[in-house]
Amino acid sequence: QVQLVESGGGLVQPGGSLRLSCAASGTIFSIYHMNWYRQAPGKQRDLIAHIADDGTTNYADSVTGRFTISRDNVKNTLYLQMNNLKPEDTAVYYCNGLIEAGPRVLKNYWGHGTQVTVSS
Protein backbone atom coordinates (compact mmCIF):
# COMPACT_ATOMS: atom_id res chain seq x y z
CA GLN A 1 0.00 0.00 0.00
CA VAL A 2 1.42 3.36 -1.04
CA GLN A 3 1.03 6.45 1.11
CA LEU A 4 1.83 10.08 0.38
CA VAL A 5 2.29 12.28 3.44
CA GLU A 6 2.68 16.05 3.16
CA SER A 7 4.41 18.22 5.75
CA GLY A 8 5.78 21.72 6.13
CA GLY A 9 2.61 23.77 6.06
CA GLY A 10 1.83 26.48 8.56
CA LEU A 11 1.20 30.16 9.14
CA VAL A 12 3.51 32.63 7.42
CA GLN A 13 3.47 36.39 6.87
CA PRO A 14 3.10 37.86 3.37
CA GLY A 15 6.46 37.84 1.64
CA GLY A 16 7.64 34.87 3.64
CA SER A 17 8.68 31.39 2.54
CA LEU A 18 7.74 27.81 3.25
CA ARG A 19 9.00 24.47 1.99
CA LEU A 20 6.51 21.66 1.65
CA SER A 21 7.54 18.02 1.52
CA CYS A 22 5.64 14.95 0.36
CA ALA A 23 7.10 11.60 1.33
CA ALA A 24 6.02 8.47 -0.52
CA SER A 25 6.20 5.18 1.36
CA GLY A 26 5.13 1.59 0.93
CA THR A 27 5.74 -0.80 -1.91
CA ILE A 28 7.04 1.41 -4.72
CA PHE A 29 8.46 0.14 -7.98
CA SER A 30 8.64 3.48 -9.77
CA ILE A 31 7.36 7.02 -9.39
CA TYR A 32 6.48 8.76 -12.60
CA HIS A 33 5.17 12.32 -12.70
CA MET A 34 4.25 14.13 -9.51
CA ASN A 35 2.20 17.23 -8.86
CA TRP A 36 1.28 19.80 -6.26
CA TYR A 37 -2.35 20.95 -6.13
CA ARG A 38 -4.03 23.44 -3.84
CA GLN A 39 -7.58 24.08 -2.80
CA ALA A 40 -8.74 27.31 -1.22
CA PRO A 41 -12.01 27.43 0.78
CA GLY A 42 -15.00 27.32 -1.52
CA LYS A 43 -12.87 26.79 -4.63
CA GLN A 44 -11.90 23.85 -6.79
CA ARG A 45 -8.63 22.00 -6.43
CA ASP A 46 -6.11 23.45 -8.89
CA LEU A 47 -2.89 22.07 -10.29
CA ILE A 48 -0.05 24.47 -9.53
CA ALA A 49 3.16 22.56 -10.22
CA HIS A 50 4.16 19.44 -12.13
CA ILE A 51 7.41 17.51 -12.37
CA ALA A 52 7.96 14.68 -14.80
CA ASP A 53 10.13 11.65 -14.09
CA ASP A 54 12.89 13.27 -16.18
CA GLY A 55 12.77 16.40 -14.02
CA THR A 56 10.90 18.62 -16.47
CA THR A 57 8.73 21.12 -14.61
CA ASN A 58 5.65 23.20 -15.33
CA TYR A 59 3.84 25.77 -13.23
CA ALA A 60 0.54 27.59 -13.09
CA ASP A 61 0.83 31.26 -13.98
CA SER A 62 -0.18 32.21 -10.44
CA VAL A 63 2.97 30.69 -8.92
CA THR A 64 5.53 30.99 -11.72
CA GLY A 65 8.69 32.68 -10.51
CA ARG A 66 7.79 32.21 -6.84
CA PHE A 67 7.38 28.44 -6.38
CA THR A 68 9.83 25.67 -7.27
CA ILE A 69 8.94 21.99 -7.47
CA SER A 70 11.66 19.38 -7.07
CA ARG A 71 12.05 15.72 -6.24
CA ASP A 72 14.53 13.38 -4.60
CA ASN A 73 14.20 10.04 -6.33
CA VAL A 74 16.36 8.28 -3.74
CA LYS A 75 14.22 9.43 -0.84
CA ASN A 76 10.96 9.19 -2.84
CA THR A 77 10.17 12.71 -1.71
CA LEU A 78 8.59 15.64 -3.52
CA TYR A 79 9.19 19.24 -2.51
CA LEU A 80 7.62 22.63 -3.10
CA GLN A 81 9.70 25.69 -2.23
CA MET A 82 7.35 28.64 -1.90
CA ASN A 83 8.79 32.16 -1.80
CA ASN A 84 7.23 35.62 -1.69
CA LEU A 85 4.00 34.15 -0.39
CA LYS A 86 0.80 36.12 -0.78
CA PRO A 87 -2.53 35.94 1.09
CA GLU A 88 -4.10 34.43 -2.03
CA ASP A 89 -1.75 31.45 -1.65
CA THR A 90 -3.71 30.41 1.44
CA ALA A 91 -5.06 26.92 0.77
CA VAL A 92 -4.71 23.25 1.57
CA TYR A 93 -1.82 21.89 -0.50
CA TYR A 94 -1.95 18.32 -1.80
CA CYS A 95 0.67 16.18 -3.47
CA ASN A 96 -0.25 13.68 -6.13
CA GLY A 97 1.78 11.11 -8.01
CA LEU A 98 1.54 8.40 -10.64
CA ILE A 99 3.17 5.43 -8.92
CA GLU A 100 3.87 1.86 -9.91
CA ALA A 101 3.17 -0.13 -6.77
CA GLY A 102 3.71 -3.56 -8.27
CA PRO A 103 3.79 -5.42 -11.58
CA ARG A 104 1.12 -3.78 -13.77
CA VAL A 105 -0.14 -1.84 -10.74
CA LEU A 106 -0.06 1.78 -11.84
CA LYS A 107 -2.22 4.19 -9.89
CA ASN A 108 -2.67 7.85 -9.10
CA TYR A 109 -2.15 8.50 -5.39
CA TRP A 110 -3.04 11.54 -3.26
CA GLY A 111 -1.82 12.82 0.07
CA HIS A 112 -4.20 14.15 2.72
CA GLY A 113 -3.02 17.73 2.43
CA THR A 114 -1.23 20.34 4.50
CA GLN A 115 -2.64 23.77 5.38
CA VAL A 116 -0.77 26.90 4.30
CA THR A 117 -2.03 30.20 5.68
CA VAL A 118 -0.51 33.49 4.58
CA SER A 119 -1.57 36.31 6.85
CA SER A 120 -0.17 39.21 8.81
C-alpha atoms as a PDB file:
ATOM      1  CA  GLN A   1       0.000   0.000   0.000  1.00  0.00           C
ATOM      2  CA  VAL A   2       1.422   3.360  -1.044  1.00  0.00           C
ATOM      3  CA  GLN A   3       1.026   6.452   1.113  1.00  0.00           C
ATOM      4  CA  LEU A   4       1.833  10.082   0.378  1.00  0.00           C
ATOM      5  CA  VAL A   5       2.294  12.282   3.440  1.00  0.00           C
ATOM      6  CA  GLU A   6       2.679  16.052   3.155  1.00  0.00           C
ATOM      7  CA  SER A   7       4.413  18.222   5.751  1.00  0.00           C
ATOM      8  CA  GLY A   8       5.783  21.720   6.130  1.00  0.00           C
ATOM      9  CA  GLY A   9       2.614  23.767   6.062  1.00  0.00           C
ATOM     10  CA  GLY A  10       1.833  26.485   8.562  1.00  0.00           C
ATOM     11  CA  LEU A  11       1.202  30.164   9.141  1.00  0.00           C
ATOM     12  CA  VAL A  12       3.506  32.631   7.425  1.00  0.00           C
ATOM     13  CA  GLN A  13       3.466  36.389   6.867  1.00  0.00           C
ATOM     14  CA  PRO A  14       3.100  37.860   3.367  1.00  0.00           C
ATOM     15  CA  GLY A  15       6.462  37.838   1.635  1.00  0.00           C
ATOM     16  CA  GLY A  16       7.641  34.869   3.639  1.00  0.00           C
ATOM     17  CA  SER A  17       8.681  31.390   2.544  1.00  0.00           C
ATOM     18  CA  LEU A  18       7.739  27.805   3.253  1.00  0.00           C
ATOM     19  CA  ARG A  19       9.001  24.474   1.991  1.00  0.00           C
ATOM     20  CA  LEU A  20       6.509  21.657   1.651  1.00  0.00           C
ATOM     21  CA  SER A  21       7.536  18.016   1.519  1.00  0.00           C
ATOM     22  CA  CYS A  22       5.644  14.953   0.357  1.00  0.00           C
ATOM     23  CA  ALA A  23       7.102  11.595   1.325  1.00  0.00           C
ATOM     24  CA  ALA A  24       6.017   8.474  -0.521  1.00  0.00           C
ATOM     25  CA  SER A  25       6.196   5.178   1.356  1.00  0.00           C
ATOM     26  CA  GLY A  26       5.126   1.587   0.929  1.00  0.00           C
ATOM     27  CA  THR A  27       5.739  -0.798  -1.912  1.00  0.00           C
ATOM     28  CA  ILE A  28       7.037   1.407  -4.722  1.00  0.00           C
ATOM     29  CA  PHE A  29       8.464   0.137  -7.977  1.00  0.00           C
ATOM     30  CA  SER A  30       8.639   3.477  -9.772  1.00  0.00           C
ATOM     31  CA  ILE A  31       7.360   7.021  -9.387  1.00  0.00           C
ATOM     32  CA  TYR A  32       6.477   8.763 -12.596  1.00  0.00           C
ATOM     33  CA  HIS A  33       5.167  12.317 -12.698  1.00  0.00           C
ATOM     34  CA  MET A  34       4.251  14.129  -9.510  1.00  0.00           C
ATOM     35  CA  ASN A  35       2.203  17.232  -8.856  1.00  0.00           C
ATOM     36  CA  TRP A  36       1.277  19.797  -6.262  1.00  0.00           C
ATOM     37  CA  TYR A  37      -2.348  20.951  -6.131  1.00  0.00           C
ATOM     38  CA  ARG A  38      -4.026  23.438  -3.844  1.00  0.00           C
ATOM     39  CA  GLN A  39      -7.585  24.085  -2.803  1.00  0.00           C
ATOM     40  CA  ALA A  40      -8.745  27.312  -1.218  1.00  0.00           C
ATOM     41  CA  PRO A  41     -12.006  27.434   0.784  1.00  0.00           C
ATOM     42  CA  GLY A  42     -15.001  27.319  -1.520  1.00  0.00           C
ATOM     43  CA  LYS A  43     -12.870  26.792  -4.632  1.00  0.00           C
ATOM     44  CA  GLN A  44     -11.898  23.852  -6.790  1.00  0.00           C
ATOM     45  CA  ARG A  45      -8.625  22.000  -6.429  1.00  0.00           C
ATOM     46  CA  ASP A  46      -6.114  23.450  -8.885  1.00  0.00           C
ATOM     47  CA  LEU A  47      -2.886  22.067 -10.293  1.00  0.00           C
ATOM     48  CA  ILE A  48      -0.045  24.472  -9.529  1.00  0.00           C
ATOM     49  CA  ALA A  49       3.161  22.562 -10.215  1.00  0.00           C
ATOM     50  CA  HIS A  50       4.157  19.441 -12.131  1.00  0.00           C
ATOM     51  CA  ILE A  51       7.409  17.509 -12.365  1.00  0.00           C
ATOM     52  CA  ALA A  52       7.962  14.678 -14.797  1.00  0.00           C
ATOM     53  CA  ASP A  53      10.131  11.646 -14.085  1.00  0.00           C
ATOM     54  CA  ASP A  54      12.889  13.273 -16.178  1.00  0.00           C
ATOM     55  CA  GLY A  55      12.769  16.404 -14.016  1.00  0.00           C
ATOM     56  CA  THR A  56      10.904  18.619 -16.469  1.00  0.00           C
ATOM     57  CA  THR A  57       8.731  21.119 -14.608  1.00  0.00           C
ATOM     58  CA  ASN A  58       5.654  23.195 -15.332  1.00  0.00           C
ATOM     59  CA  TYR A  59       3.840  25.774 -13.227  1.00  0.00           C
ATOM     60  CA  ALA A  60       0.542  27.585 -13.091  1.00  0.00           C
ATOM     61  CA  ASP A  61       0.828  31.259 -13.979  1.00  0.00           C
ATOM     62  CA  SER A  62      -0.180  32.213 -10.445  1.00  0.00           C
ATOM     63  CA  VAL A  63       2.973  30.694  -8.924  1.00  0.00           C
ATOM     64  CA  THR A  64       5.526  30.988 -11.722  1.00  0.00           C
ATOM     65  CA  GLY A  65       8.688  32.681 -10.515  1.00  0.00           C
ATOM     66  CA  ARG A  66       7.792  32.209  -6.841  1.00  0.00           C
ATOM     67  CA  PHE A  67       7.384  28.435  -6.377  1.00  0.00           C
ATOM     68  CA  THR A  68       9.825  25.668  -7.266  1.00  0.00           C
ATOM     69  CA  ILE A  69       8.941  21.990  -7.468  1.00  0.00           C
ATOM     70  CA  SER A  70      11.656  19.382  -7.072  1.00  0.00           C
ATOM     71  CA  ARG A  71      12.046  15.720  -6.238  1.00  0.00           C
ATOM     72  CA  ASP A  72      14.529  13.384  -4.597  1.00  0.00           C
ATOM     73  CA  ASN A  73      14.202  10.035  -6.334  1.00  0.00           C
ATOM     74  CA  VAL A  74      16.363   8.280  -3.741  1.00  0.00           C
ATOM     75  CA  LYS A  75      14.216   9.430  -0.840  1.00  0.00           C
ATOM     76  CA  ASN A  76      10.956   9.190  -2.844  1.00  0.00           C
ATOM     77  CA  THR A  77      10.166  12.706  -1.713  1.00  0.00           C
ATOM     78  CA  LEU A  78       8.593  15.638  -3.523  1.00  0.00           C
ATOM     79  CA  TYR A  79       9.193  19.243  -2.506  1.00  0.00           C
ATOM     80  CA  LEU A  80       7.624  22.626  -3.101  1.00  0.00           C
ATOM     81  CA  GLN A  81       9.695  25.685  -2.227  1.00  0.00           C
ATOM     82  CA  MET A  82       7.347  28.643  -1.901  1.00  0.00           C
ATOM     83  CA  ASN A  83       8.792  32.157  -1.799  1.00  0.00           C
ATOM     84  CA  ASN A  84       7.227  35.618  -1.687  1.00  0.00           C
ATOM     85  CA  LEU A  85       3.997  34.148  -0.390  1.00  0.00           C
ATOM     86  CA  LYS A  86       0.797  36.124  -0.781  1.00  0.00           C
ATOM     87  CA  PRO A  87      -2.528  35.938   1.092  1.00  0.00           C
ATOM     88  CA  GLU A  88      -4.095  34.426  -2.026  1.00  0.00           C
ATOM     89  CA  ASP A  89      -1.746  31.445  -1.654  1.00  0.00           C
ATOM     90  CA  THR A  90      -3.712  30.412   1.437  1.00  0.00           C
ATOM     91  CA  ALA A  91      -5.057  26.918   0.767  1.00  0.00           C
ATOM     92  CA  VAL A  92      -4.709  23.254   1.569  1.00  0.00           C
ATOM     93  CA  TYR A  93      -1.822  21.888  -0.496  1.00  0.00           C
ATOM     94  CA  TYR A  94      -1.954  18.322  -1.803  1.00  0.00           C
ATOM     95  CA  CYS A  95       0.667  16.181  -3.470  1.00  0.00           C
ATOM     96  CA  ASN A  96      -0.252  13.679  -6.132  1.00  0.00           C
ATOM     97  CA  GLY A  97       1.780  11.113  -8.009  1.00  0.00           C
ATOM     98  CA  LEU A  98       1.540   8.397 -10.637  1.00  0.00           C
ATOM     99  CA  ILE A  99       3.167   5.430  -8.922  1.00  0.00           C
ATOM    100  CA  GLU A 100       3.867   1.855  -9.914  1.00  0.00           C
ATOM    101  CA  ALA A 101       3.172  -0.134  -6.769  1.00  0.00           C
ATOM    102  CA  GLY A 102       3.714  -3.564  -8.268  1.00  0.00           C
ATOM    103  CA  PRO A 103       3.793  -5.423 -11.582  1.00  0.00           C
ATOM    104  CA  ARG A 104       1.121  -3.775 -13.769  1.00  0.00           C
ATOM    105  CA  VAL A 105      -0.139  -1.838 -10.737  1.00  0.00           C
ATOM    106  CA  LEU A 106      -0.058   1.782 -11.844  1.00  0.00           C
ATOM    107  CA  LYS A 107      -2.220   4.188  -9.890  1.00  0.00           C
ATOM    108  CA  ASN A 108      -2.667   7.852  -9.099  1.00  0.00           C
ATOM    109  CA  TYR A 109      -2.152   8.499  -5.385  1.00  0.00           C
ATOM    110  CA  TRP A 110      -3.043  11.537  -3.259  1.00  0.00           C
ATOM    111  CA  GLY A 111      -1.824  12.823   0.067  1.00  0.00           C
ATOM    112  CA  HIS A 112      -4.198  14.153   2.716  1.00  0.00           C
ATOM    113  CA  GLY A 113      -3.021  17.732   2.428  1.00  0.00           C
ATOM    114  CA  THR A 114      -1.229  20.343   4.502  1.00  0.00           C
ATOM    115  CA  GLN A 115      -2.643  23.767   5.377  1.00  0.00           C
ATOM    116  CA  VAL A 116      -0.774  26.898   4.299  1.00  0.00           C
ATOM    117  CA  THR A 117      -2.030  30.201   5.679  1.00  0.00           C
ATOM    118  CA  VAL A 118      -0.508  33.492   4.577  1.00  0.00           C
ATOM    119  CA  SER A 119      -1.571  36.313   6.850  1.00  0.00           C
ATOM    120  CA  SER A 120      -0.166  39.215   8.810  1.00  0.00           C
END
